[in-house]
Each structure stands twice: as C-alpha cells, then as structure tokens.
Amino acid sequence: MSDDPTTPVRVERDGDLAVVVLDHPPLNLFDESVFAGFEHAVAELTRITAPGNPDRARAVLFEAHGRVVSGGVDVHAFHEIAEGPDPVGQGTALWSRLMRLAQGIEDLPVPTVSAAHGLTLTAAFELSLACDLLLATESASFGLVEIVVGLTPSMGGPQRLAERAGPARAKELVLTGERFPAEALREWGVVNRVLPDDGFADAARTFARTLAAGPTTAHATTKQIVGTAVREGVRAADAITPRLSGALFATEDLRAAVGSFLADGPGRATYRGR
C-alpha cells in the first residue's frame, strides 16, 4: 500500500475493498509520474487480490480527486517522442507499456469498478474501459480526443469500446473526437450506471463494497467466462464453463451460501470465501 498522500496514484484499503486514487492536481494529467504510479498500483493490486492472500482485497474501485477525473495526457510526453531520435521505436514502446497496464487491470481476478465524477478524457477513459463496470455522475462526460494531436487512442480504448458499444459507436467516438455525456454512453452500453452528482463518491464506494462482499471465486469465474466469450466466441466459453463452475462446489463461498440459504431462506445467503 502507498501511505504517501503526495503520490499521484495510491492504493488505499477500505475493508475488503482496494481503492486506487488518482490525485494529481490540477487536472490529473497523465505524465510519467502517473503512468509509473498506475504501474506500481497494478503490481500491488495483483499481489493483494491473489487467491490465498490472507488479507485479500475482494474488489477494486478506481476513483479520482479534484474537479475532473482527468484532462488527458500531458502532451509534452508525445512531443519528446516525436522529436526524439527514434520516434517509431519509442512510440511503439510507449503503447506496449500502456497496453500492459490496461491488460493488468483487466486481468485482476476480482471485480473492478471505475467511478467517474467529471470530465474523463483519453488515458483515464481507456483505463476505465479496462474495468469491469463503469459508474458515472449525471454531469460526467467522456472523450477520446487524440485526433487533436494526430494520434489514435492506443491503450486499448477503441477495441474495448467496440466490445461494449459496437464498432460503429467506437469509430464515432474516436473519429469525431467529441465529448459524450454519461447518459448517452449509458444508452450505448459503455457506462453501466449513471448516478446523481450529490453523494456519488459514497454511492460508488457502497456499490463496490457490495461486489467485494460477494462470492469472490464465482466472480473470477464470471470474468473468465465472459472474457473468453468476447475474445474466442460463445462455444469456447461453453467449453471452459463446466470445469470452472464445477470447481465452485469446493469453495467456502458456495458451502456457506447454500447452508445459509437452506437455514435462513432466500435473501439471507452469506459469503465467507477468500
């Protein structure tokens, strides 16, 4: 865990919930310190969400402090690459590095939630799309505006937008470079829930805590099945489901929940698995 409040990205604990905080005023721009901060955070999350960890985090919430989630990437980083001795090599290395970051979030074995309370541009939006669920306030807006500097989003955003909203919507977001309100993206299937601005931070934490209180191993299985269906097709997901779901019968989650259901009735099942 990072206990230093001056770091631009830190991991905090709220019981079974791990909270990744972006706090890099005034605009939470993604510069080298933020990229490195998220890399360290994902490494820490990988450790603390691993099965068998006695103090395991059972869900992860990504949130940002300040007026906006992020104003995007500090363009100085792109200028240095473009004017450097090997722009193609350096550019490829940058995107490879940042793709690993997005995939690291996506591969965490517990539910991940991104909470967007305001403007969310470029890298911050792409990292949100690597999360399982995206919550937003009524006033939040989103954009992949890389066209203003002659780029295309390359942290996995376009393909994950296509996964959620379809290829036409993904192209519209990227090719226009426009900002889109949260409600429009909810209608497209990009944002999961739009919540009131007032009390949003608490509501997002409550939502994430609910996921953390759920059946951890079953949630990991759900992520594997859905991910396989998206990447390889429904039949490929069918092929792995019996093995993955069969293993759930040996978990403390299932035994405790079934016992509670039979003893206490529907709506009172409890989970104790790690």
C-alpha atoms as a PDB file:
ATOM      1  CA  MET A   1       0.000   0.000   0.000  1.00  0.00           C
ATOM      2  CA  SER A   2       1.060   3.572  -0.601  1.00  0.00           C
ATOM      3  CA  ASP A   3       0.644   5.685   2.505  1.00  0.00           C
ATOM      4  CA  ASP A   4       2.229   8.773   0.934  1.00  0.00           C
ATOM      5  CA  PRO A   5      -0.588  11.283   0.185  1.00  0.00           C
ATOM      6  CA  THR A   6       1.712  13.210  -2.170  1.00  0.00           C
ATOM      7  CA  THR A   7       1.996  10.392  -4.707  1.00  0.00           C
ATOM      8  CA  PRO A   8      -0.194  10.961  -7.787  1.00  0.00           C
ATOM      9  CA  VAL A   9      -1.560   7.393  -7.676  1.00  0.00           C
ATOM     10  CA  ARG A  10      -2.015   5.447  -4.464  1.00  0.00           C
ATOM     11  CA  VAL A  11      -3.738   2.308  -3.269  1.00  0.00           C
ATOM     12  CA  GLU A  12      -5.831   2.504  -0.115  1.00  0.00           C
ATOM     13  CA  ARG A  13      -7.854  -0.128   1.744  1.00  0.00           C
ATOM     14  CA  ASP A  14     -11.485   0.111   2.799  1.00  0.00           C
ATOM     15  CA  GLY A  15     -12.029  -3.271   4.403  1.00  0.00           C
ATOM     16  CA  ASP A  16     -12.222  -5.899   1.665  1.00  0.00           C
ATOM     17  CA  LEU A  17     -12.186  -3.144  -0.963  1.00  0.00           C
ATOM     18  CA  ALA A  18      -8.991  -1.789  -2.537  1.00  0.00           C
ATOM     19  CA  VAL A  19      -9.292   1.807  -3.743  1.00  0.00           C
ATOM     20  CA  VAL A  20      -6.942   3.265  -6.353  1.00  0.00           C
ATOM     21  CA  VAL A  21      -6.872   7.051  -6.075  1.00  0.00           C
ATOM     22  CA  LEU A  22      -5.665   9.388  -8.832  1.00  0.00           C
ATOM     23  CA  ASP A  23      -4.716  12.694  -7.221  1.00  0.00           C
ATOM     24  CA  HIS A  24      -2.511  14.833  -9.447  1.00  0.00           C
ATOM     25  CA  PRO A  25      -3.878  18.391  -9.424  1.00  0.00           C
ATOM     26  CA  PRO A  26      -4.996  20.483 -11.058  1.00  0.00           C
ATOM     27  CA  LEU A  27      -6.191  18.318 -13.966  1.00  0.00           C
ATOM     28  CA  ASN A  28      -4.920  14.826 -13.127  1.00  0.00           C
ATOM     29  CA  LEU A  29      -2.934  14.823 -16.364  1.00  0.00           C
ATOM     30  CA  PHE A  30      -1.219  11.573 -17.238  1.00  0.00           C
ATOM     31  CA  ASP A  31       2.529  12.182 -17.210  1.00  0.00           C
ATOM     32  CA  GLU A  32       5.400   9.855 -16.391  1.00  0.00           C
ATOM     33  CA  SER A  33       4.689  10.034 -12.660  1.00  0.00           C
ATOM     34  CA  VAL A  34       1.078   8.970 -13.226  1.00  0.00           C
ATOM     35  CA  PHE A  35       1.934   6.200 -15.677  1.00  0.00           C
ATOM     36  CA  ALA A  36       4.523   4.834 -13.259  1.00  0.00           C
ATOM     37  CA  GLY A  37       2.089   5.276 -10.381  1.00  0.00           C
ATOM     38  CA  PHE A  38      -0.546   3.163 -12.095  1.00  0.00           C
ATOM     39  CA  GLU A  39       2.046   0.515 -12.930  1.00  0.00           C
ATOM     40  CA  HIS A  40       3.017   0.294  -9.272  1.00  0.00           C
ATOM     41  CA  ALA A  41      -0.657   0.264  -8.280  1.00  0.00           C
ATOM     42  CA  VAL A  42      -1.470  -2.607 -10.645  1.00  0.00           C
ATOM     43  CA  ALA A  43       1.501  -4.585  -9.333  1.00  0.00           C
ATOM     44  CA  GLU A  44       0.220  -4.022  -5.795  1.00  0.00           C
ATOM     45  CA  LEU A  45      -3.336  -4.962  -6.814  1.00  0.00           C
ATOM     46  CA  THR A  46      -2.101  -8.142  -8.436  1.00  0.00           C
ATOM     47  CA  ARG A  47      -0.487  -9.107  -5.145  1.00  0.00           C
ATOM     48  CA  ILE A  48      -3.328  -8.213  -2.809  1.00  0.00           C
ATOM     49  CA  THR A  49      -6.105  -9.716  -4.948  1.00  0.00           C
ATOM     50  CA  ALA A  50      -4.317 -13.037  -5.458  1.00  0.00           C
ATOM     51  CA  PRO A  51      -6.110 -16.155  -4.183  1.00  0.00           C
ATOM     52  CA  GLY A  52      -4.544 -17.313  -0.952  1.00  0.00           C
ATOM     53  CA  ASN A  53      -3.585 -13.850   0.250  1.00  0.00           C
ATOM     54  CA  PRO A  54      -4.719 -13.827   3.915  1.00  0.00           C
ATOM     55  CA  ASP A  55      -5.674 -10.138   3.651  1.00  0.00           C
ATOM     56  CA  ARG A  56      -7.113 -10.412   0.176  1.00  0.00           C
ATOM     57  CA  ALA A  57      -8.879  -7.460  -1.442  1.00  0.00           C
ATOM     58  CA  ARG A  58     -12.091  -8.776  -2.996  1.00  0.00           C
ATOM     59  CA  ALA A  59     -12.915  -5.856  -5.293  1.00  0.00           C
ATOM     60  CA  VAL A  60     -11.161  -2.750  -6.633  1.00  0.00           C
ATOM     61  CA  LEU A  61     -12.523   0.768  -7.056  1.00  0.00           C
ATOM     62  CA  PHE A  62     -10.761   3.387  -9.204  1.00  0.00           C
ATOM     63  CA  GLU A  63     -11.546   6.982  -8.275  1.00  0.00           C
ATOM     64  CA  ALA A  64     -10.049  10.432  -8.799  1.00  0.00           C
ATOM     65  CA  HIS A  65      -9.845  13.532  -6.639  1.00  0.00           C
ATOM     66  CA  GLY A  66     -10.401  17.036  -7.912  1.00  0.00           C
ATOM     67  CA  ARG A  67     -12.786  18.772 -10.285  1.00  0.00           C
ATOM     68  CA  VAL A  68     -12.179  16.336 -13.157  1.00  0.00           C
ATOM     69  CA  VAL A  69     -11.207  12.688 -13.417  1.00  0.00           C
ATOM     70  CA  SER A  70      -8.526  13.643 -15.941  1.00  0.00           C
ATOM     71  CA  GLY A  71      -7.886  16.213 -18.630  1.00  0.00           C
ATOM     72  CA  GLY A  72      -5.954  13.570 -20.579  1.00  0.00           C
ATOM     73  CA  VAL A  73      -2.256  13.023 -21.233  1.00  0.00           C
ATOM     74  CA  ASP A  74       0.429  15.651 -20.764  1.00  0.00           C
ATOM     75  CA  VAL A  75       1.267  16.310 -24.436  1.00  0.00           C
ATOM     76  CA  HIS A  76       4.902  17.015 -23.582  1.00  0.00           C
ATOM     77  CA  ALA A  77       5.364  13.234 -23.477  1.00  0.00           C
ATOM     78  CA  PHE A  78       4.292  12.942 -27.102  1.00  0.00           C
ATOM     79  CA  HIS A  79       6.463  15.895 -28.144  1.00  0.00           C
ATOM     80  CA  GLU A  80       9.568  14.290 -26.676  1.00  0.00           C
ATOM     81  CA  ILE A  81       8.934  11.075 -28.621  1.00  0.00           C
ATOM     82  CA  ALA A  82       8.075  12.814 -31.896  1.00  0.00           C
ATOM     83  CA  GLU A  83      11.230  14.946 -31.728  1.00  0.00           C
ATOM     84  CA  GLY A  84      13.470  12.155 -30.485  1.00  0.00           C
ATOM     85  CA  PRO A  85      15.982  10.045 -32.420  1.00  0.00           C
ATOM     86  CA  ASP A  86      13.656   7.027 -32.825  1.00  0.00           C
ATOM     87  CA  PRO A  87      10.022   8.172 -32.785  1.00  0.00           C
ATOM     88  CA  VAL A  88       8.637   4.908 -34.175  1.00  0.00           C
ATOM     89  CA  GLY A  89      10.556   2.720 -31.747  1.00  0.00           C
ATOM     90  CA  GLN A  90       9.833   4.949 -28.768  1.00  0.00           C
ATOM     91  CA  GLY A  91       6.172   5.295 -29.718  1.00  0.00           C
ATOM     92  CA  THR A  92       5.771   1.555 -30.069  1.00  0.00           C
ATOM     93  CA  ALA A  93       7.452   1.030 -26.703  1.00  0.00           C
ATOM     94  CA  LEU A  94       5.145   3.550 -25.039  1.00  0.00           C
ATOM     95  CA  TRP A  95       1.977   1.935 -26.355  1.00  0.00           C
ATOM     96  CA  SER A  96       3.231  -1.552 -25.493  1.00  0.00           C
ATOM     97  CA  ARG A  97       3.892  -0.386 -21.957  1.00  0.00           C
ATOM     98  CA  LEU A  98       0.483   1.233 -21.582  1.00  0.00           C
ATOM     99  CA  MET A  99      -1.340  -1.707 -23.159  1.00  0.00           C
ATOM    100  CA  ARG A 100       0.205  -3.938 -20.499  1.00  0.00           C
ATOM    101  CA  LEU A 101      -1.146  -1.526 -17.911  1.00  0.00           C
ATOM    102  CA  ALA A 102      -4.711  -1.761 -19.250  1.00  0.00           C
ATOM    103  CA  GLN A 103      -4.470  -5.529 -19.530  1.00  0.00           C
ATOM    104  CA  GLY A 104      -3.148  -5.738 -15.977  1.00  0.00           C
ATOM    105  CA  ILE A 105      -6.311  -4.057 -14.717  1.00  0.00           C
ATOM    106  CA  GLU A 106      -8.497  -6.226 -16.931  1.00  0.00           C
ATOM    107  CA  ASP A 107      -6.810  -9.426 -15.703  1.00  0.00           C
ATOM    108  CA  LEU A 108      -7.328  -8.810 -11.977  1.00  0.00           C
ATOM    109  CA  PRO A 109      -9.250 -11.793 -10.529  1.00  0.00           C
ATOM    110  CA  VAL A 110     -11.799  -9.664  -8.673  1.00  0.00           C
ATOM    111  CA  PRO A 111     -14.496  -7.186  -9.763  1.00  0.00           C
ATOM    112  CA  THR A 112     -13.141  -3.788 -10.804  1.00  0.00           C
ATOM    113  CA  VAL A 113     -15.181  -0.582 -10.845  1.00  0.00           C
ATOM    114  CA  SER A 114     -14.305   2.823 -12.275  1.00  0.00           C
ATOM    115  CA  ALA A 115     -16.058   5.842 -10.737  1.00  0.00           C
ATOM    116  CA  ALA A 116     -16.151   8.925 -12.996  1.00  0.00           C
ATOM    117  CA  HIS A 117     -17.391  12.077 -11.296  1.00  0.00           C
ATOM    118  CA  GLY A 118     -16.497  14.563 -14.055  1.00  0.00           C
ATOM    119  CA  LEU A 119     -14.639  15.033 -17.320  1.00  0.00           C
ATOM    120  CA  THR A 120     -12.775  11.833 -18.255  1.00  0.00           C
ATOM    121  CA  LEU A 121     -10.501  12.089 -21.268  1.00  0.00           C
ATOM    122  CA  THR A 122      -8.079   9.851 -23.193  1.00  0.00           C
ATOM    123  CA  ALA A 123      -5.902   7.658 -20.943  1.00  0.00           C
ATOM    124  CA  ALA A 124      -8.264   7.879 -17.968  1.00  0.00           C
ATOM    125  CA  PHE A 125     -11.201   6.832 -20.155  1.00  0.00           C
ATOM    126  CA  GLU A 126      -9.206   3.959 -21.625  1.00  0.00           C
ATOM    127  CA  LEU A 127      -8.261   2.681 -18.173  1.00  0.00           C
ATOM    128  CA  SER A 128     -11.920   2.941 -17.148  1.00  0.00           C
ATOM    129  CA  LEU A 129     -12.819   0.757 -20.110  1.00  0.00           C
ATOM    130  CA  ALA A 130     -10.418  -1.885 -18.812  1.00  0.00           C
ATOM    131  CA  CYS A 131     -12.541  -2.140 -15.661  1.00  0.00           C
ATOM    132  CA  ASP A 132     -15.487  -4.498 -15.390  1.00  0.00           C
ATOM    133  CA  LEU A 133     -18.002  -1.787 -14.585  1.00  0.00           C
ATOM    134  CA  LEU A 134     -18.124   1.967 -15.139  1.00  0.00           C
ATOM    135  CA  LEU A 135     -20.173   4.269 -12.911  1.00  0.00           C
ATOM    136  CA  ALA A 136     -20.630   7.958 -13.727  1.00  0.00           C
ATOM    137  CA  THR A 137     -22.336  11.035 -12.386  1.00  0.00           C
ATOM    138  CA  GLU A 138     -25.070  12.794 -14.322  1.00  0.00           C
ATOM    139  CA  SER A 139     -22.628  15.611 -15.139  1.00  0.00           C
ATOM    140  CA  ALA A 140     -19.718  13.383 -16.180  1.00  0.00           C
ATOM    141  CA  SER A 141     -18.523  13.368 -19.776  1.00  0.00           C
ATOM    142  CA  PHE A 142     -16.069  11.259 -21.712  1.00  0.00           C
ATOM    143  CA  GLY A 143     -13.894  11.581 -24.761  1.00  0.00           C
ATOM    144  CA  LEU A 144     -11.116  10.008 -26.761  1.00  0.00           C
ATOM    145  CA  VAL A 145      -9.798  13.222 -28.261  1.00  0.00           C
ATOM    146  CA  GLU A 146      -6.415  12.063 -29.528  1.00  0.00           C
ATOM    147  CA  ILE A 147      -7.157  13.398 -33.020  1.00  0.00           C
ATOM    148  CA  VAL A 148      -6.255  16.879 -31.769  1.00  0.00           C
ATOM    149  CA  VAL A 149      -2.617  15.769 -31.646  1.00  0.00           C
ATOM    150  CA  GLY A 150      -2.729  13.460 -34.658  1.00  0.00           C
ATOM    151  CA  LEU A 151      -2.999  10.215 -32.707  1.00  0.00           C
ATOM    152  CA  THR A 152      -5.466   7.392 -32.278  1.00  0.00           C
ATOM    153  CA  PRO A 153      -6.203   6.045 -28.790  1.00  0.00           C
ATOM    154  CA  SER A 154      -3.784   3.165 -28.260  1.00  0.00           C
ATOM    155  CA  MET A 155      -4.238   1.932 -24.693  1.00  0.00           C
ATOM    156  CA  GLY A 156      -6.989  -0.432 -25.769  1.00  0.00           C
ATOM    157  CA  GLY A 157      -9.832   2.083 -25.758  1.00  0.00           C
ATOM    158  CA  PRO A 158     -11.186   1.643 -29.319  1.00  0.00           C
ATOM    159  CA  GLN A 159     -11.355  -2.137 -29.110  1.00  0.00           C
ATOM    160  CA  ARG A 160     -12.970  -2.091 -25.681  1.00  0.00           C
ATOM    161  CA  LEU A 161     -15.481   0.478 -26.875  1.00  0.00           C
ATOM    162  CA  ALA A 162     -16.265  -1.812 -29.804  1.00  0.00           C
ATOM    163  CA  GLU A 163     -16.721  -4.645 -27.327  1.00  0.00           C
ATOM    164  CA  ARG A 164     -19.239  -2.633 -25.305  1.00  0.00           C
ATOM    165  CA  ALA A 165     -20.997  -0.488 -27.882  1.00  0.00           C
ATOM    166  CA  GLY A 166     -20.202  -1.990 -31.279  1.00  0.00           C
ATOM    167  CA  PRO A 167     -17.757  -0.902 -33.994  1.00  0.00           C
ATOM    168  CA  ALA A 168     -19.832   1.979 -35.370  1.00  0.00           C
ATOM    169  CA  ARG A 169     -20.136   3.683 -31.980  1.00  0.00           C
ATOM    170  CA  ALA A 170     -16.446   3.098 -31.246  1.00  0.00           C
ATOM    171  CA  LYS A 171     -15.472   4.739 -34.526  1.00  0.00           C
ATOM    172  CA  GLU A 172     -17.833   7.653 -33.869  1.00  0.00           C
ATOM    173  CA  LEU A 173     -16.227   8.358 -30.504  1.00  0.00           C
ATOM    174  CA  VAL A 174     -12.702   8.212 -31.887  1.00  0.00           C
ATOM    175  CA  LEU A 175     -13.115   9.735 -35.356  1.00  0.00           C
ATOM    176  CA  THR A 176     -15.115  12.755 -34.163  1.00  0.00           C
ATOM    177  CA  GLY A 177     -13.037  13.391 -31.047  1.00  0.00           C
ATOM    178  CA  GLU A 178     -16.199  14.709 -29.401  1.00  0.00           C
ATOM    179  CA  ARG A 179     -17.080  14.604 -25.734  1.00  0.00           C
ATOM    180  CA  PHE A 180     -20.078  12.483 -24.868  1.00  0.00           C
ATOM    181  CA  PRO A 181     -22.297  12.807 -21.775  1.00  0.00           C
ATOM    182  CA  ALA A 182     -22.623   9.925 -19.365  1.00  0.00           C
ATOM    183  CA  GLU A 183     -26.271   9.295 -20.187  1.00  0.00           C
ATOM    184  CA  ALA A 184     -25.528   8.870 -23.897  1.00  0.00           C
ATOM    185  CA  LEU A 185     -22.802   6.374 -23.108  1.00  0.00           C
ATOM    186  CA  ARG A 186     -25.132   4.536 -20.753  1.00  0.00           C
ATOM    187  CA  GLU A 187     -27.600   4.151 -23.600  1.00  0.00           C
ATOM    188  CA  TRP A 188     -24.778   2.759 -25.757  1.00  0.00           C
ATOM    189  CA  GLY A 189     -23.736   0.233 -23.111  1.00  0.00           C
ATOM    190  CA  VAL A 190     -20.402   1.891 -22.313  1.00  0.00           C
ATOM    191  CA  VAL A 191     -21.386   3.294 -18.904  1.00  0.00           C
ATOM    192  CA  ASN A 192     -23.163   0.836 -16.626  1.00  0.00           C
ATOM    193  CA  ARG A 193     -24.951   3.234 -14.287  1.00  0.00           C
ATOM    194  CA  VAL A 194     -25.469   6.994 -14.089  1.00  0.00           C
ATOM    195  CA  LEU A 195     -25.880   8.228 -10.530  1.00  0.00           C
ATOM    196  CA  PRO A 196     -26.688  11.657  -9.043  1.00  0.00           C
ATOM    197  CA  ASP A 197     -23.777  14.036  -8.557  1.00  0.00           C
ATOM    198  CA  ASP A 198     -24.659  14.529  -4.895  1.00  0.00           C
ATOM    199  CA  GLY A 199     -23.303  11.690  -2.824  1.00  0.00           C
ATOM    200  CA  PHE A 200     -21.650   9.996  -5.796  1.00  0.00           C
ATOM    201  CA  ALA A 201     -18.369   9.133  -4.054  1.00  0.00           C
ATOM    202  CA  ASP A 202     -20.201   7.402  -1.214  1.00  0.00           C
ATOM    203  CA  ALA A 203     -22.575   5.666  -3.614  1.00  0.00           C
ATOM    204  CA  ALA A 204     -19.678   4.337  -5.692  1.00  0.00           C
ATOM    205  CA  ARG A 205     -17.948   3.016  -2.576  1.00  0.00           C
ATOM    206  CA  THR A 206     -21.142   1.348  -1.389  1.00  0.00           C
ATOM    207  CA  PHE A 207     -21.611  -0.285  -4.786  1.00  0.00           C
ATOM    208  CA  ALA A 208     -18.024  -1.556  -4.864  1.00  0.00           C
ATOM    209  CA  ARG A 209     -18.274  -2.842  -1.279  1.00  0.00           C
ATOM    210  CA  THR A 210     -21.321  -4.857  -2.326  1.00  0.00           C
ATOM    211  CA  LEU A 211     -19.246  -6.570  -5.013  1.00  0.00           C
ATOM    212  CA  ALA A 212     -16.440  -7.159  -2.508  1.00  0.00           C
ATOM    213  CA  ALA A 213     -18.928  -8.899  -0.203  1.00  0.00           C
ATOM    214  CA  GLY A 214     -19.948 -11.327  -2.944  1.00  0.00           C
ATOM    215  CA  PRO A 215     -18.630 -14.788  -3.875  1.00  0.00           C
ATOM    216  CA  THR A 216     -15.050 -13.994  -4.841  1.00  0.00           C
ATOM    217  CA  THR A 217     -14.206 -17.162  -6.743  1.00  0.00           C
ATOM    218  CA  ALA A 218     -17.523 -17.137  -8.599  1.00  0.00           C
ATOM    219  CA  HIS A 219     -16.877 -13.534  -9.645  1.00  0.00           C
ATOM    220  CA  ALA A 220     -13.474 -14.560 -11.023  1.00  0.00           C
ATOM    221  CA  THR A 221     -15.140 -17.382 -12.934  1.00  0.00           C
ATOM    222  CA  THR A 222     -17.696 -14.974 -14.385  1.00  0.00           C
ATOM    223  CA  LYS A 223     -14.880 -12.730 -15.621  1.00  0.00           C
ATOM    224  CA  GLN A 224     -13.128 -15.682 -17.259  1.00  0.00           C
ATOM    225  CA  ILE A 225     -16.265 -16.942 -18.987  1.00  0.00           C
ATOM    226  CA  VAL A 226     -17.315 -13.533 -20.312  1.00  0.00           C
ATOM    227  CA  GLY A 227     -13.785 -12.666 -21.404  1.00  0.00           C
ATOM    228  CA  THR A 228     -13.435 -15.948 -23.263  1.00  0.00           C
ATOM    229  CA  ALA A 229     -16.785 -15.447 -24.993  1.00  0.00           C
ATOM    230  CA  VAL A 230     -15.747 -11.996 -26.186  1.00  0.00           C
ATOM    231  CA  ARG A 231     -12.270 -12.996 -27.347  1.00  0.00           C
ATOM    232  CA  GLU A 232     -12.882 -16.513 -28.639  1.00  0.00           C
ATOM    233  CA  GLY A 233     -16.636 -16.969 -29.048  1.00  0.00           C
ATOM    234  CA  VAL A 234     -19.544 -18.488 -27.171  1.00  0.00           C
ATOM    235  CA  ARG A 235     -18.587 -22.111 -27.862  1.00  0.00           C
ATOM    236  CA  ALA A 236     -15.130 -21.520 -26.413  1.00  0.00           C
ATOM    237  CA  ALA A 237     -16.785 -20.132 -23.277  1.00  0.00           C
ATOM    238  CA  ASP A 238     -19.105 -23.148 -23.211  1.00  0.00           C
ATOM    239  CA  ALA A 239     -16.071 -25.431 -23.293  1.00  0.00           C
ATOM    240  CA  ILE A 240     -14.460 -23.971 -20.159  1.00  0.00           C
ATOM    241  CA  THR A 241     -17.638 -23.390 -18.138  1.00  0.00           C
ATOM    242  CA  PRO A 242     -18.162 -26.919 -16.729  1.00  0.00           C
ATOM    243  CA  ARG A 243     -14.618 -27.112 -15.377  1.00  0.00           C
ATOM    244  CA  LEU A 244     -14.553 -23.592 -13.943  1.00  0.00           C
ATOM    245  CA  SER A 245     -18.043 -23.698 -12.474  1.00  0.00           C
ATOM    246  CA  GLY A 246     -17.621 -27.252 -11.233  1.00  0.00           C
ATOM    247  CA  ALA A 247     -14.717 -26.106  -9.086  1.00  0.00           C
ATOM    248  CA  LEU A 248     -17.026 -23.667  -7.286  1.00  0.00           C
ATOM    249  CA  PHE A 249     -18.665 -26.542  -5.404  1.00  0.00           C
ATOM    250  CA  ALA A 250     -15.450 -26.894  -3.382  1.00  0.00           C
ATOM    251  CA  THR A 251     -15.379 -23.236  -2.282  1.00  0.00           C
ATOM    252  CA  GLU A 252     -16.268 -21.925   1.146  1.00  0.00           C
ATOM    253  CA  ASP A 253     -18.359 -19.280  -0.615  1.00  0.00           C
ATOM    254  CA  LEU A 254     -20.749 -21.848  -2.056  1.00  0.00           C
ATOM    255  CA  ARG A 255     -20.934 -24.085   1.012  1.00  0.00           C
ATOM    256  CA  ALA A 256     -21.637 -21.160   3.345  1.00  0.00           C
ATOM    257  CA  ALA A 257     -24.162 -19.585   0.998  1.00  0.00           C
ATOM    258  CA  VAL A 258     -26.054 -22.818   0.349  1.00  0.00           C
ATOM    259  CA  GLY A 259     -26.123 -23.608   4.050  1.00  0.00           C
ATOM    260  CA  SER A 260     -27.373 -20.108   4.841  1.00  0.00           C
ATOM    261  CA  PHE A 261     -29.992 -20.288   2.093  1.00  0.00           C
ATOM    262  CA  LEU A 262     -31.361 -23.569   3.412  1.00  0.00           C
ATOM    263  CA  ALA A 263     -31.268 -22.451   7.048  1.00  0.00           C
ATOM    264  CA  ASP A 264     -32.394 -18.833   6.725  1.00  0.00           C
ATOM    265  CA  GLY A 265     -34.237 -18.632   3.422  1.00  0.00           C
ATOM    266  CA  PRO A 266     -33.760 -16.576   0.242  1.00  0.00           C
ATOM    267  CA  GLY A 267     -32.131 -13.157   0.519  1.00  0.00           C
ATOM    268  CA  ARG A 268     -30.032 -14.077   3.543  1.00  0.00           C
ATOM    269  CA  ALA A 269     -27.217 -16.074   1.952  1.00  0.00           C
ATOM    270  CA  THR A 270     -23.747 -15.187   3.231  1.00  0.00           C
ATOM    271  CA  TYR A 271     -20.290 -15.500   1.705  1.00  0.00           C
ATOM    272  CA  ARG A 272     -17.108 -16.188   3.591  1.00  0.00           C
ATOM    273  CA  GLY A 273     -14.727 -17.307   0.888  1.00  0.00           C
ATOM    274  CA  ARG A 274     -11.457 -15.624   0.078  1.00  0.00           C
END
